[in-house]
Amino acid sequence: MYGSSKISICNRALHLIGNGRGINSLDEATAEARICSKFYDTALASLLAAHNWMFALCEGECTEIASDTGFFFAYPNRCIKVRGVFDLAHKPIHFIVSMNKEGARIIRTKEQPFFYNYTVFTDEPSAYPALFEEALCWLLARHIAWGIGGIEAGVRDDVSKHYLIALEDAKVSDANESGSVRMNFESDYVSVR
């Protein structure tokens, strides 16, 4: 969203729980800055994982890892979740995400894939659609409300309810952006008949 920043998102989240003290930097020596710094990336990653957001869709070619028992592929950098794995004809291929013996995440398939698409960790607020950012503010407020002292249980419940509403609004808006439009190529002559 135009003009957004991590700091503006954090200040909105603080405001949503009734905290009037804003921050100017995540590195400030204040309780508000420390709690925002602690939970910002967690809230963002959780929200990105909650839905297949179109703005966070990324595609890449599979990078094969040597294996004797099927096809193993490197997990993409900055990947929140793999959405699909496809062959050259764009046919979906069954896959699972697991770990190799070194503890690295990998993608496993029984067929030779060509590319995958995934949700990328997008930490540039100017890329966020307005309703995604709204949901992020509420989710961050939810994390902060549990992590900062002096917040009443009623406020925590309200913030959680508002987050769920904001999440659904953001999902609907995202789905509306990815719809297809039926193109009408009929001539005026045919449509008048």
N, C-alpha and C. Protein backbone atom coordinates (compact mmCIF):
# COMPACT_ATOMS: atom_id res chain seq x y z
N MET A 1 0.84 -1.17 0.00
CA MET A 1 0.00 0.00 0.00
C MET A 1 0.89 1.23 0.00
N TYR A 2 0.54 2.22 -0.73
CA TYR A 2 1.34 3.42 -0.89
C TYR A 2 1.62 4.08 0.46
N GLY A 3 2.90 4.38 0.71
CA GLY A 3 3.28 5.10 1.92
C GLY A 3 3.38 4.27 3.18
N SER A 4 3.15 2.98 3.09
CA SER A 4 3.20 2.14 4.28
C SER A 4 4.64 1.79 4.62
N SER A 5 4.83 1.49 5.89
CA SER A 5 6.15 1.06 6.36
C SER A 5 5.94 0.14 7.56
N LYS A 6 6.99 -0.57 7.95
CA LYS A 6 6.90 -1.41 9.14
C LYS A 6 6.51 -0.57 10.35
N ILE A 7 7.08 0.61 10.45
CA ILE A 7 6.81 1.48 11.60
C ILE A 7 5.35 1.92 11.62
N SER A 8 4.80 2.30 10.46
CA SER A 8 3.39 2.72 10.44
C SER A 8 2.47 1.55 10.78
N ILE A 9 2.81 0.35 10.33
CA ILE A 9 2.02 -0.84 10.66
C ILE A 9 2.10 -1.12 12.16
N CYS A 10 3.30 -1.04 12.72
CA CYS A 10 3.47 -1.25 14.17
C CYS A 10 2.70 -0.21 14.97
N ASN A 11 2.75 1.05 14.56
CA ASN A 11 2.04 2.10 15.28
C ASN A 11 0.53 1.92 15.20
N ARG A 12 0.03 1.47 14.05
CA ARG A 12 -1.41 1.17 13.95
C ARG A 12 -1.78 0.02 14.86
N ALA A 13 -0.93 -1.02 14.91
CA ALA A 13 -1.20 -2.17 15.79
C ALA A 13 -1.21 -1.73 17.25
N LEU A 14 -0.27 -0.91 17.64
CA LEU A 14 -0.24 -0.40 19.02
C LEU A 14 -1.50 0.41 19.32
N HIS A 15 -1.91 1.22 18.37
CA HIS A 15 -3.12 2.03 18.54
C HIS A 15 -4.36 1.14 18.69
N LEU A 16 -4.41 0.03 17.96
CA LEU A 16 -5.58 -0.86 18.02
C LEU A 16 -5.78 -1.50 19.38
N ILE A 17 -4.72 -1.62 20.16
CA ILE A 17 -4.86 -2.17 21.52
C ILE A 17 -4.95 -1.07 22.57
N GLY A 18 -5.04 0.18 22.10
CA GLY A 18 -5.20 1.30 23.03
C GLY A 18 -3.91 1.86 23.57
N ASN A 19 -2.78 1.50 22.97
CA ASN A 19 -1.49 2.03 23.40
C ASN A 19 -1.22 3.30 22.61
N GLY A 20 -1.19 4.43 23.28
CA GLY A 20 -1.01 5.71 22.61
C GLY A 20 0.43 6.06 22.31
N ARG A 21 1.36 5.27 22.79
CA ARG A 21 2.78 5.57 22.56
C ARG A 21 3.24 4.90 21.26
N GLY A 22 3.56 5.69 20.28
CA GLY A 22 4.06 5.16 19.03
C GLY A 22 5.57 4.97 19.08
N ILE A 23 6.10 4.42 18.02
CA ILE A 23 7.55 4.22 17.92
C ILE A 23 8.06 4.89 16.64
N ASN A 24 9.33 5.22 16.64
CA ASN A 24 9.97 5.79 15.46
C ASN A 24 10.93 4.81 14.81
N SER A 25 11.30 3.76 15.55
CA SER A 25 12.24 2.76 15.06
C SER A 25 12.03 1.47 15.84
N LEU A 26 12.28 0.34 15.18
CA LEU A 26 12.19 -0.94 15.88
C LEU A 26 13.39 -1.17 16.80
N ASP A 27 14.40 -0.32 16.68
CA ASP A 27 15.60 -0.44 17.51
C ASP A 27 15.56 0.43 18.76
N GLU A 28 14.46 1.16 18.96
CA GLU A 28 14.34 2.01 20.16
C GLU A 28 14.41 1.16 21.43
N ALA A 29 14.83 1.79 22.50
CA ALA A 29 14.91 1.10 23.80
C ALA A 29 13.61 1.29 24.56
N THR A 30 12.49 0.95 23.90
CA THR A 30 11.18 1.04 24.55
C THR A 30 10.52 -0.33 24.52
N ALA A 31 9.58 -0.54 25.45
CA ALA A 31 8.85 -1.81 25.47
C ALA A 31 8.06 -2.00 24.18
N GLU A 32 7.49 -0.91 23.66
CA GLU A 32 6.70 -1.00 22.43
C GLU A 32 7.55 -1.42 21.24
N ALA A 33 8.73 -0.83 21.11
CA ALA A 33 9.62 -1.19 19.98
C ALA A 33 10.10 -2.62 20.11
N ARG A 34 10.44 -3.04 21.33
CA ARG A 34 10.92 -4.42 21.52
C ARG A 34 9.84 -5.43 21.17
N ILE A 35 8.61 -5.18 21.61
CA ILE A 35 7.54 -6.16 21.36
C ILE A 35 7.16 -6.17 19.87
N CYS A 36 7.17 -4.99 19.22
CA CYS A 36 6.89 -4.95 17.78
C CYS A 36 7.98 -5.66 17.00
N SER A 37 9.23 -5.43 17.37
CA SER A 37 10.35 -6.09 16.71
C SER A 37 10.29 -7.61 16.90
N LYS A 38 9.87 -8.03 18.08
CA LYS A 38 9.80 -9.45 18.39
C LYS A 38 8.73 -10.17 17.57
N PHE A 39 7.58 -9.52 17.34
CA PHE A 39 6.44 -10.20 16.74
C PHE A 39 6.14 -9.84 15.29
N TYR A 40 6.77 -8.79 14.74
CA TYR A 40 6.40 -8.34 13.40
C TYR A 40 6.59 -9.45 12.36
N ASP A 41 7.79 -10.02 12.25
CA ASP A 41 8.04 -11.04 11.23
C ASP A 41 7.20 -12.29 11.44
N THR A 42 6.96 -12.65 12.71
CA THR A 42 6.12 -13.82 13.01
C THR A 42 4.69 -13.59 12.53
N ALA A 43 4.15 -12.41 12.82
CA ALA A 43 2.79 -12.08 12.39
C ALA A 43 2.71 -12.07 10.87
N LEU A 44 3.69 -11.46 10.23
CA LEU A 44 3.70 -11.39 8.76
C LEU A 44 3.77 -12.78 8.14
N ALA A 45 4.67 -13.63 8.63
CA ALA A 45 4.80 -14.99 8.09
C ALA A 45 3.51 -15.78 8.31
N SER A 46 2.89 -15.63 9.47
CA SER A 46 1.63 -16.33 9.75
C SER A 46 0.53 -15.90 8.80
N LEU A 47 0.43 -14.60 8.56
CA LEU A 47 -0.60 -14.09 7.67
C LEU A 47 -0.34 -14.53 6.23
N LEU A 48 0.91 -14.50 5.80
CA LEU A 48 1.23 -14.97 4.45
C LEU A 48 0.89 -16.45 4.27
N ALA A 49 1.03 -17.24 5.33
CA ALA A 49 0.73 -18.67 5.26
C ALA A 49 -0.77 -18.96 5.33
N ALA A 50 -1.56 -18.00 5.76
CA ALA A 50 -2.99 -18.22 5.99
C ALA A 50 -3.82 -18.30 4.72
N HIS A 51 -3.25 -17.91 3.58
CA HIS A 51 -4.03 -17.85 2.34
C HIS A 51 -3.04 -17.81 1.17
N ASN A 52 -3.47 -18.22 0.00
CA ASN A 52 -2.62 -18.13 -1.20
C ASN A 52 -2.78 -16.74 -1.82
N TRP A 53 -2.13 -15.75 -1.20
CA TRP A 53 -2.23 -14.35 -1.64
C TRP A 53 -1.63 -14.20 -3.03
N MET A 54 -2.37 -13.56 -3.92
CA MET A 54 -1.90 -13.39 -5.29
C MET A 54 -0.66 -12.49 -5.35
N PHE A 55 -0.58 -11.44 -4.53
CA PHE A 55 0.55 -10.53 -4.58
C PHE A 55 1.85 -11.19 -4.12
N ALA A 56 1.76 -12.29 -3.39
CA ALA A 56 2.94 -12.98 -2.86
C ALA A 56 3.25 -14.26 -3.64
N LEU A 57 2.61 -14.45 -4.79
CA LEU A 57 2.85 -15.63 -5.62
C LEU A 57 4.17 -15.50 -6.35
N CYS A 58 4.96 -16.53 -6.26
CA CYS A 58 6.26 -16.56 -6.95
C CYS A 58 6.38 -17.91 -7.65
N GLU A 59 7.15 -17.95 -8.71
CA GLU A 59 7.33 -19.17 -9.49
C GLU A 59 8.81 -19.41 -9.72
N GLY A 60 9.21 -20.66 -9.72
CA GLY A 60 10.61 -20.98 -9.97
C GLY A 60 10.78 -22.36 -10.57
N GLU A 61 11.92 -22.56 -11.21
CA GLU A 61 12.25 -23.88 -11.75
C GLU A 61 12.78 -24.75 -10.62
N CYS A 62 12.46 -26.02 -10.69
CA CYS A 62 12.90 -26.97 -9.67
C CYS A 62 14.40 -27.22 -9.80
N THR A 63 15.09 -27.16 -8.69
CA THR A 63 16.53 -27.44 -8.62
C THR A 63 16.69 -28.80 -7.98
N GLU A 64 17.03 -29.80 -8.80
CA GLU A 64 17.07 -31.18 -8.32
C GLU A 64 18.27 -31.44 -7.41
N ILE A 65 18.01 -32.25 -6.39
CA ILE A 65 19.04 -32.73 -5.47
C ILE A 65 19.20 -34.21 -5.77
N ALA A 66 20.43 -34.68 -5.83
CA ALA A 66 20.68 -36.09 -6.16
C ALA A 66 19.98 -37.03 -5.19
N SER A 67 19.34 -38.07 -5.75
CA SER A 67 18.63 -39.05 -4.94
C SER A 67 18.44 -40.34 -5.73
N ASP A 68 18.44 -41.46 -5.02
CA ASP A 68 18.20 -42.75 -5.65
C ASP A 68 16.74 -43.19 -5.53
N THR A 69 15.95 -42.48 -4.74
CA THR A 69 14.59 -42.93 -4.42
C THR A 69 13.54 -41.88 -4.75
N GLY A 70 13.49 -41.44 -5.97
CA GLY A 70 12.49 -40.45 -6.36
C GLY A 70 13.16 -39.13 -6.71
N PHE A 71 12.37 -38.08 -6.78
CA PHE A 71 12.87 -36.76 -7.13
C PHE A 71 12.85 -35.87 -5.90
N PHE A 72 13.97 -35.26 -5.60
CA PHE A 72 14.11 -34.37 -4.46
C PHE A 72 14.55 -33.00 -4.98
N PHE A 73 13.93 -31.96 -4.48
CA PHE A 73 14.22 -30.62 -4.97
C PHE A 73 14.42 -29.66 -3.82
N ALA A 74 15.29 -28.69 -4.06
CA ALA A 74 15.58 -27.69 -3.04
C ALA A 74 14.34 -26.85 -2.75
N TYR A 75 14.13 -26.57 -1.49
CA TYR A 75 13.03 -25.70 -1.07
C TYR A 75 13.40 -24.27 -1.45
N PRO A 76 12.48 -23.50 -2.01
CA PRO A 76 12.83 -22.15 -2.46
C PRO A 76 13.25 -21.23 -1.31
N ASN A 77 14.15 -20.31 -1.60
CA ASN A 77 14.53 -19.29 -0.62
C ASN A 77 13.35 -18.39 -0.33
N ARG A 78 13.22 -17.98 0.92
CA ARG A 78 12.18 -17.05 1.38
C ARG A 78 10.77 -17.59 1.12
N CYS A 79 10.65 -18.91 1.05
CA CYS A 79 9.36 -19.55 0.80
C CYS A 79 8.59 -19.72 2.11
N ILE A 80 7.34 -19.28 2.11
CA ILE A 80 6.44 -19.49 3.23
C ILE A 80 5.77 -20.85 3.09
N LYS A 81 5.29 -21.13 1.87
CA LYS A 81 4.71 -22.45 1.60
C LYS A 81 4.69 -22.70 0.10
N VAL A 82 4.88 -23.97 -0.27
CA VAL A 82 4.80 -24.38 -1.67
C VAL A 82 3.32 -24.56 -1.99
N ARG A 83 2.87 -23.95 -3.07
CA ARG A 83 1.46 -24.05 -3.47
C ARG A 83 1.22 -25.18 -4.47
N GLY A 84 2.17 -25.39 -5.36
CA GLY A 84 1.98 -26.42 -6.36
C GLY A 84 3.26 -26.74 -7.08
N VAL A 85 3.34 -27.97 -7.60
CA VAL A 85 4.47 -28.43 -8.39
C VAL A 85 3.88 -28.94 -9.71
N PHE A 86 4.53 -28.60 -10.84
CA PHE A 86 3.93 -28.85 -12.15
C PHE A 86 4.96 -29.42 -13.12
N ASP A 87 4.45 -30.18 -14.11
CA ASP A 87 5.32 -30.68 -15.16
C ASP A 87 5.39 -29.66 -16.30
N LEU A 88 6.06 -30.03 -17.39
CA LEU A 88 6.22 -29.10 -18.51
C LEU A 88 4.89 -28.67 -19.13
N ALA A 89 3.89 -29.54 -19.06
CA ALA A 89 2.57 -29.22 -19.62
C ALA A 89 1.68 -28.49 -18.61
N HIS A 90 2.25 -28.06 -17.50
CA HIS A 90 1.54 -27.35 -16.43
C HIS A 90 0.54 -28.23 -15.70
N LYS A 91 0.72 -29.57 -15.80
CA LYS A 91 -0.12 -30.50 -15.07
C LYS A 91 0.40 -30.59 -13.64
N PRO A 92 -0.51 -30.47 -12.65
CA PRO A 92 -0.06 -30.57 -11.25
C PRO A 92 0.51 -31.95 -10.94
N ILE A 93 1.55 -31.97 -10.13
CA ILE A 93 2.20 -33.19 -9.69
C ILE A 93 2.07 -33.28 -8.17
N HIS A 94 1.74 -34.47 -7.68
CA HIS A 94 1.66 -34.68 -6.23
C HIS A 94 3.05 -34.48 -5.62
N PHE A 95 3.09 -33.77 -4.49
CA PHE A 95 4.37 -33.52 -3.83
C PHE A 95 4.17 -33.51 -2.32
N ILE A 96 5.25 -33.67 -1.61
CA ILE A 96 5.26 -33.46 -0.16
C ILE A 96 6.50 -32.65 0.19
N VAL A 97 6.39 -31.89 1.25
CA VAL A 97 7.52 -31.14 1.77
C VAL A 97 8.00 -31.88 3.01
N SER A 98 9.29 -32.17 3.06
CA SER A 98 9.86 -32.87 4.20
C SER A 98 11.26 -32.32 4.45
N MET A 99 12.01 -33.03 5.27
CA MET A 99 13.39 -32.61 5.56
C MET A 99 14.35 -33.70 5.13
N ASN A 100 15.52 -33.28 4.69
CA ASN A 100 16.55 -34.27 4.39
C ASN A 100 17.35 -34.55 5.67
N LYS A 101 18.33 -35.43 5.59
CA LYS A 101 19.06 -35.82 6.80
C LYS A 101 19.90 -34.69 7.38
N GLU A 102 20.17 -33.65 6.59
CA GLU A 102 20.90 -32.49 7.09
C GLU A 102 19.98 -31.47 7.77
N GLY A 103 18.67 -31.73 7.72
CA GLY A 103 17.71 -30.83 8.36
C GLY A 103 17.20 -29.71 7.47
N ALA A 104 17.50 -29.76 6.17
CA ALA A 104 17.01 -28.76 5.23
C ALA A 104 15.67 -29.20 4.66
N ARG A 105 14.77 -28.24 4.46
CA ARG A 105 13.48 -28.57 3.85
C ARG A 105 13.67 -28.87 2.38
N ILE A 106 12.96 -29.89 1.90
CA ILE A 106 13.02 -30.30 0.50
C ILE A 106 11.62 -30.60 -0.01
N ILE A 107 11.47 -30.62 -1.32
CA ILE A 107 10.23 -31.00 -1.98
C ILE A 107 10.46 -32.36 -2.61
N ARG A 108 9.55 -33.31 -2.35
CA ARG A 108 9.68 -34.67 -2.89
C ARG A 108 8.52 -34.96 -3.83
N THR A 109 8.84 -35.57 -4.97
CA THR A 109 7.82 -35.99 -5.93
C THR A 109 8.18 -37.37 -6.46
N LYS A 110 7.20 -38.04 -7.08
CA LYS A 110 7.45 -39.33 -7.71
C LYS A 110 7.62 -39.17 -9.22
N GLU A 111 7.23 -38.00 -9.73
CA GLU A 111 7.37 -37.71 -11.16
C GLU A 111 8.36 -36.57 -11.33
N GLN A 112 8.88 -36.43 -12.54
CA GLN A 112 9.83 -35.36 -12.84
C GLN A 112 9.07 -34.03 -12.99
N PRO A 113 9.24 -33.11 -12.04
CA PRO A 113 8.58 -31.82 -12.18
C PRO A 113 9.47 -30.84 -12.95
N PHE A 114 8.87 -29.74 -13.39
CA PHE A 114 9.60 -28.71 -14.10
C PHE A 114 9.66 -27.42 -13.28
N PHE A 115 8.54 -27.01 -12.71
CA PHE A 115 8.53 -25.77 -11.94
C PHE A 115 7.54 -25.87 -10.79
N TYR A 116 7.63 -24.95 -9.89
CA TYR A 116 6.71 -24.87 -8.76
C TYR A 116 6.30 -23.42 -8.56
N ASN A 117 5.19 -23.24 -7.85
CA ASN A 117 4.88 -21.89 -7.41
C ASN A 117 4.69 -21.93 -5.90
N TYR A 118 4.92 -20.79 -5.29
CA TYR A 118 4.94 -20.74 -3.84
C TYR A 118 4.64 -19.33 -3.34
N THR A 119 4.37 -19.24 -2.06
CA THR A 119 4.18 -17.95 -1.40
C THR A 119 5.54 -17.51 -0.90
N VAL A 120 5.97 -16.34 -1.34
CA VAL A 120 7.26 -15.81 -0.95
C VAL A 120 7.10 -14.87 0.25
N PHE A 121 8.09 -14.88 1.13
CA PHE A 121 8.09 -13.96 2.27
C PHE A 121 8.37 -12.56 1.73
N THR A 122 7.33 -11.76 1.67
CA THR A 122 7.38 -10.41 1.12
C THR A 122 7.36 -9.43 2.27
N ASP A 123 8.50 -8.82 2.57
CA ASP A 123 8.54 -7.93 3.73
C ASP A 123 8.64 -6.45 3.34
N GLU A 124 8.14 -6.13 2.16
CA GLU A 124 8.09 -4.74 1.71
C GLU A 124 6.65 -4.25 1.79
N PRO A 125 6.31 -3.48 2.83
CA PRO A 125 4.92 -3.06 3.03
C PRO A 125 4.27 -2.34 1.85
N SER A 126 5.06 -1.68 1.02
CA SER A 126 4.46 -0.98 -0.12
C SER A 126 3.85 -1.96 -1.12
N ALA A 127 4.19 -3.26 -1.01
CA ALA A 127 3.63 -4.28 -1.91
C ALA A 127 2.30 -4.83 -1.41
N TYR A 128 1.95 -4.54 -0.16
CA TYR A 128 0.75 -5.15 0.42
C TYR A 128 -0.52 -4.47 -0.06
N PRO A 129 -1.50 -5.25 -0.48
CA PRO A 129 -2.82 -4.67 -0.73
C PRO A 129 -3.39 -4.09 0.58
N ALA A 130 -4.26 -3.13 0.45
CA ALA A 130 -4.78 -2.41 1.62
C ALA A 130 -5.40 -3.34 2.66
N LEU A 131 -6.22 -4.28 2.23
CA LEU A 131 -6.91 -5.14 3.20
C LEU A 131 -5.97 -6.19 3.80
N PHE A 132 -4.93 -6.59 3.08
CA PHE A 132 -3.91 -7.45 3.66
C PHE A 132 -3.19 -6.69 4.78
N GLU A 133 -2.84 -5.45 4.51
CA GLU A 133 -2.18 -4.64 5.53
C GLU A 133 -3.07 -4.46 6.75
N GLU A 134 -4.34 -4.24 6.52
CA GLU A 134 -5.29 -4.11 7.64
C GLU A 134 -5.29 -5.38 8.49
N ALA A 135 -5.34 -6.53 7.85
CA ALA A 135 -5.30 -7.79 8.59
C ALA A 135 -3.98 -7.96 9.33
N LEU A 136 -2.88 -7.54 8.71
CA LEU A 136 -1.58 -7.61 9.38
C LEU A 136 -1.55 -6.74 10.63
N CYS A 137 -2.12 -5.54 10.55
CA CYS A 137 -2.18 -4.66 11.72
C CYS A 137 -2.94 -5.34 12.87
N TRP A 138 -4.07 -5.94 12.55
CA TRP A 138 -4.86 -6.61 13.59
C TRP A 138 -4.14 -7.84 14.14
N LEU A 139 -3.47 -8.60 13.28
CA LEU A 139 -2.75 -9.78 13.76
C LEU A 139 -1.56 -9.37 14.63
N LEU A 140 -0.85 -8.34 14.23
CA LEU A 140 0.26 -7.85 15.05
C LEU A 140 -0.27 -7.32 16.37
N ALA A 141 -1.39 -6.63 16.34
CA ALA A 141 -2.01 -6.14 17.58
C ALA A 141 -2.37 -7.32 18.50
N ARG A 142 -2.84 -8.39 17.89
CA ARG A 142 -3.17 -9.60 18.66
C ARG A 142 -1.94 -10.16 19.37
N HIS A 143 -0.82 -10.25 18.64
CA HIS A 143 0.43 -10.73 19.24
C HIS A 143 0.90 -9.79 20.34
N ILE A 144 0.84 -8.50 20.07
CA ILE A 144 1.29 -7.50 21.04
C ILE A 144 0.43 -7.55 22.29
N ALA A 145 -0.87 -7.70 22.12
CA ALA A 145 -1.79 -7.72 23.27
C ALA A 145 -1.47 -8.85 24.23
N TRP A 146 -0.95 -9.96 23.71
CA TRP A 146 -0.58 -11.07 24.58
C TRP A 146 0.83 -10.91 25.13
N GLY A 147 1.65 -10.09 24.47
CA GLY A 147 3.04 -9.98 24.87
C GLY A 147 3.37 -8.77 25.73
N ILE A 148 2.46 -7.83 25.80
CA ILE A 148 2.72 -6.61 26.57
C ILE A 148 1.83 -6.61 27.81
N GLY A 149 2.31 -6.10 28.89
CA GLY A 149 1.54 -6.10 30.14
C GLY A 149 0.44 -5.05 30.14
N GLY A 150 -0.55 -5.28 30.99
CA GLY A 150 -1.60 -4.29 31.22
C GLY A 150 -2.73 -4.28 30.21
N ILE A 151 -2.83 -5.25 29.34
CA ILE A 151 -3.91 -5.30 28.36
C ILE A 151 -5.01 -6.21 28.90
N GLU A 152 -6.21 -5.68 28.98
CA GLU A 152 -7.34 -6.44 29.53
C GLU A 152 -7.74 -7.58 28.59
N ALA A 153 -8.30 -8.63 29.19
CA ALA A 153 -8.73 -9.81 28.42
C ALA A 153 -9.78 -9.43 27.38
N GLY A 154 -10.67 -8.49 27.71
CA GLY A 154 -11.70 -8.06 26.76
C GLY A 154 -11.11 -7.42 25.52
N VAL A 155 -10.04 -6.66 25.71
CA VAL A 155 -9.35 -6.04 24.57
C VAL A 155 -8.72 -7.13 23.72
N ARG A 156 -8.11 -8.11 24.35
CA ARG A 156 -7.49 -9.22 23.60
C ARG A 156 -8.54 -9.96 22.77
N ASP A 157 -9.70 -10.21 23.37
CA ASP A 157 -10.78 -10.90 22.64
C ASP A 157 -11.27 -10.07 21.47
N ASP A 158 -11.45 -8.77 21.70
CA ASP A 158 -11.91 -7.89 20.62
C ASP A 158 -10.91 -7.84 19.47
N VAL A 159 -9.63 -7.75 19.80
CA VAL A 159 -8.59 -7.70 18.77
C VAL A 159 -8.60 -9.00 17.97
N SER A 160 -8.77 -10.13 18.65
CA SER A 160 -8.82 -11.42 17.94
C SER A 160 -10.01 -11.49 16.99
N LYS A 161 -11.16 -11.01 17.44
CA LYS A 161 -12.36 -11.01 16.59
C LYS A 161 -12.17 -10.10 15.38
N HIS A 162 -11.61 -8.92 15.61
CA HIS A 162 -11.38 -7.98 14.51
C HIS A 162 -10.36 -8.54 13.51
N TYR A 163 -9.36 -9.25 14.01
CA TYR A 163 -8.39 -9.87 13.11
C TYR A 163 -9.08 -10.87 12.19
N LEU A 164 -9.93 -11.73 12.74
CA LEU A 164 -10.60 -12.74 11.91
C LEU A 164 -11.49 -12.10 10.85
N ILE A 165 -12.15 -11.01 11.20
CA ILE A 165 -12.98 -10.28 10.23
C ILE A 165 -12.09 -9.67 9.15
N ALA A 166 -10.99 -9.03 9.56
CA ALA A 166 -10.07 -8.40 8.61
C ALA A 166 -9.45 -9.45 7.68
N LEU A 167 -9.13 -10.62 8.23
CA LEU A 167 -8.57 -11.70 7.42
C LEU A 167 -9.55 -12.13 6.34
N GLU A 168 -10.80 -12.33 6.70
CA GLU A 168 -11.80 -12.74 5.72
C GLU A 168 -12.01 -11.67 4.66
N ASP A 169 -12.05 -10.40 5.07
CA ASP A 169 -12.19 -9.30 4.10
C ASP A 169 -11.01 -9.31 3.12
N ALA A 170 -9.80 -9.51 3.63
CA ALA A 170 -8.61 -9.52 2.79
C ALA A 170 -8.64 -10.70 1.82
N LYS A 171 -9.09 -11.87 2.29
CA LYS A 171 -9.18 -13.04 1.42
C LYS A 171 -10.16 -12.82 0.28
N VAL A 172 -11.31 -12.23 0.59
CA VAL A 172 -12.33 -11.96 -0.44
C VAL A 172 -11.79 -10.97 -1.46
N SER A 173 -11.15 -9.92 -0.99
CA SER A 173 -10.58 -8.93 -1.89
C SER A 173 -9.51 -9.57 -2.78
N ASP A 174 -8.68 -10.42 -2.21
CA ASP A 174 -7.63 -11.10 -2.98
C ASP A 174 -8.25 -12.01 -4.04
N ALA A 175 -9.29 -12.73 -3.68
CA ALA A 175 -9.96 -13.62 -4.63
C ALA A 175 -10.57 -12.82 -5.78
N ASN A 176 -11.10 -11.63 -5.48
CA ASN A 176 -11.69 -10.80 -6.52
C ASN A 176 -10.65 -10.25 -7.49
N GLU A 177 -9.42 -10.10 -7.03
CA GLU A 177 -8.36 -9.61 -7.92
C GLU A 177 -7.86 -10.68 -8.87
N SER A 178 -8.13 -11.94 -8.58
CA SER A 178 -7.58 -13.00 -9.41
C SER A 178 -8.64 -13.65 -10.30
N GLY A 179 -9.80 -13.06 -10.40
CA GLY A 179 -10.86 -13.62 -11.23
C GLY A 179 -10.58 -13.40 -12.71
N SER A 180 -11.28 -14.13 -13.53
CA SER A 180 -11.11 -13.96 -14.97
C SER A 180 -12.28 -13.19 -15.53
N VAL A 181 -12.04 -12.46 -16.58
CA VAL A 181 -13.06 -11.67 -17.24
C VAL A 181 -13.37 -12.33 -18.58
N ARG A 182 -14.66 -12.49 -18.87
CA ARG A 182 -15.04 -13.08 -20.15
C ARG A 182 -14.99 -12.00 -21.21
N MET A 183 -14.18 -12.22 -22.20
CA MET A 183 -14.02 -11.25 -23.28
C MET A 183 -15.07 -11.52 -24.34
N ASN A 184 -15.71 -10.47 -24.84
CA ASN A 184 -16.73 -10.60 -25.87
C ASN A 184 -16.16 -10.04 -27.17
N PHE A 185 -15.95 -10.93 -28.14
CA PHE A 185 -15.38 -10.53 -29.40
C PHE A 185 -16.42 -10.50 -30.53
N GLU A 186 -17.70 -10.56 -30.17
CA GLU A 186 -18.73 -10.52 -31.20
C GLU A 186 -18.78 -9.13 -31.84
N SER A 187 -19.10 -9.11 -33.09
CA SER A 187 -19.28 -7.81 -33.78
C SER A 187 -20.66 -7.26 -33.40
N ASP A 188 -20.80 -5.97 -33.60
CA ASP A 188 -22.10 -5.32 -33.32
C ASP A 188 -23.20 -5.96 -34.18
N TYR A 189 -22.86 -6.37 -35.41
CA TYR A 189 -23.83 -6.96 -36.31
C TYR A 189 -24.41 -8.25 -35.72
N VAL A 190 -23.54 -9.11 -35.18
CA VAL A 190 -23.99 -10.38 -34.63
C VAL A 190 -24.80 -10.16 -33.36
N SER A 191 -24.39 -9.24 -32.50
CA SER A 191 -25.10 -9.06 -31.25
C SER A 191 -26.46 -8.41 -31.43
N VAL A 192 -26.67 -7.66 -32.52
CA VAL A 192 -27.95 -7.03 -32.77
C VAL A 192 -28.95 -8.05 -33.28
N ARG A 193 -28.48 -9.04 -34.05
CA ARG A 193 -29.36 -10.05 -34.63
C ARG A 193 -29.96 -10.80 -33.51
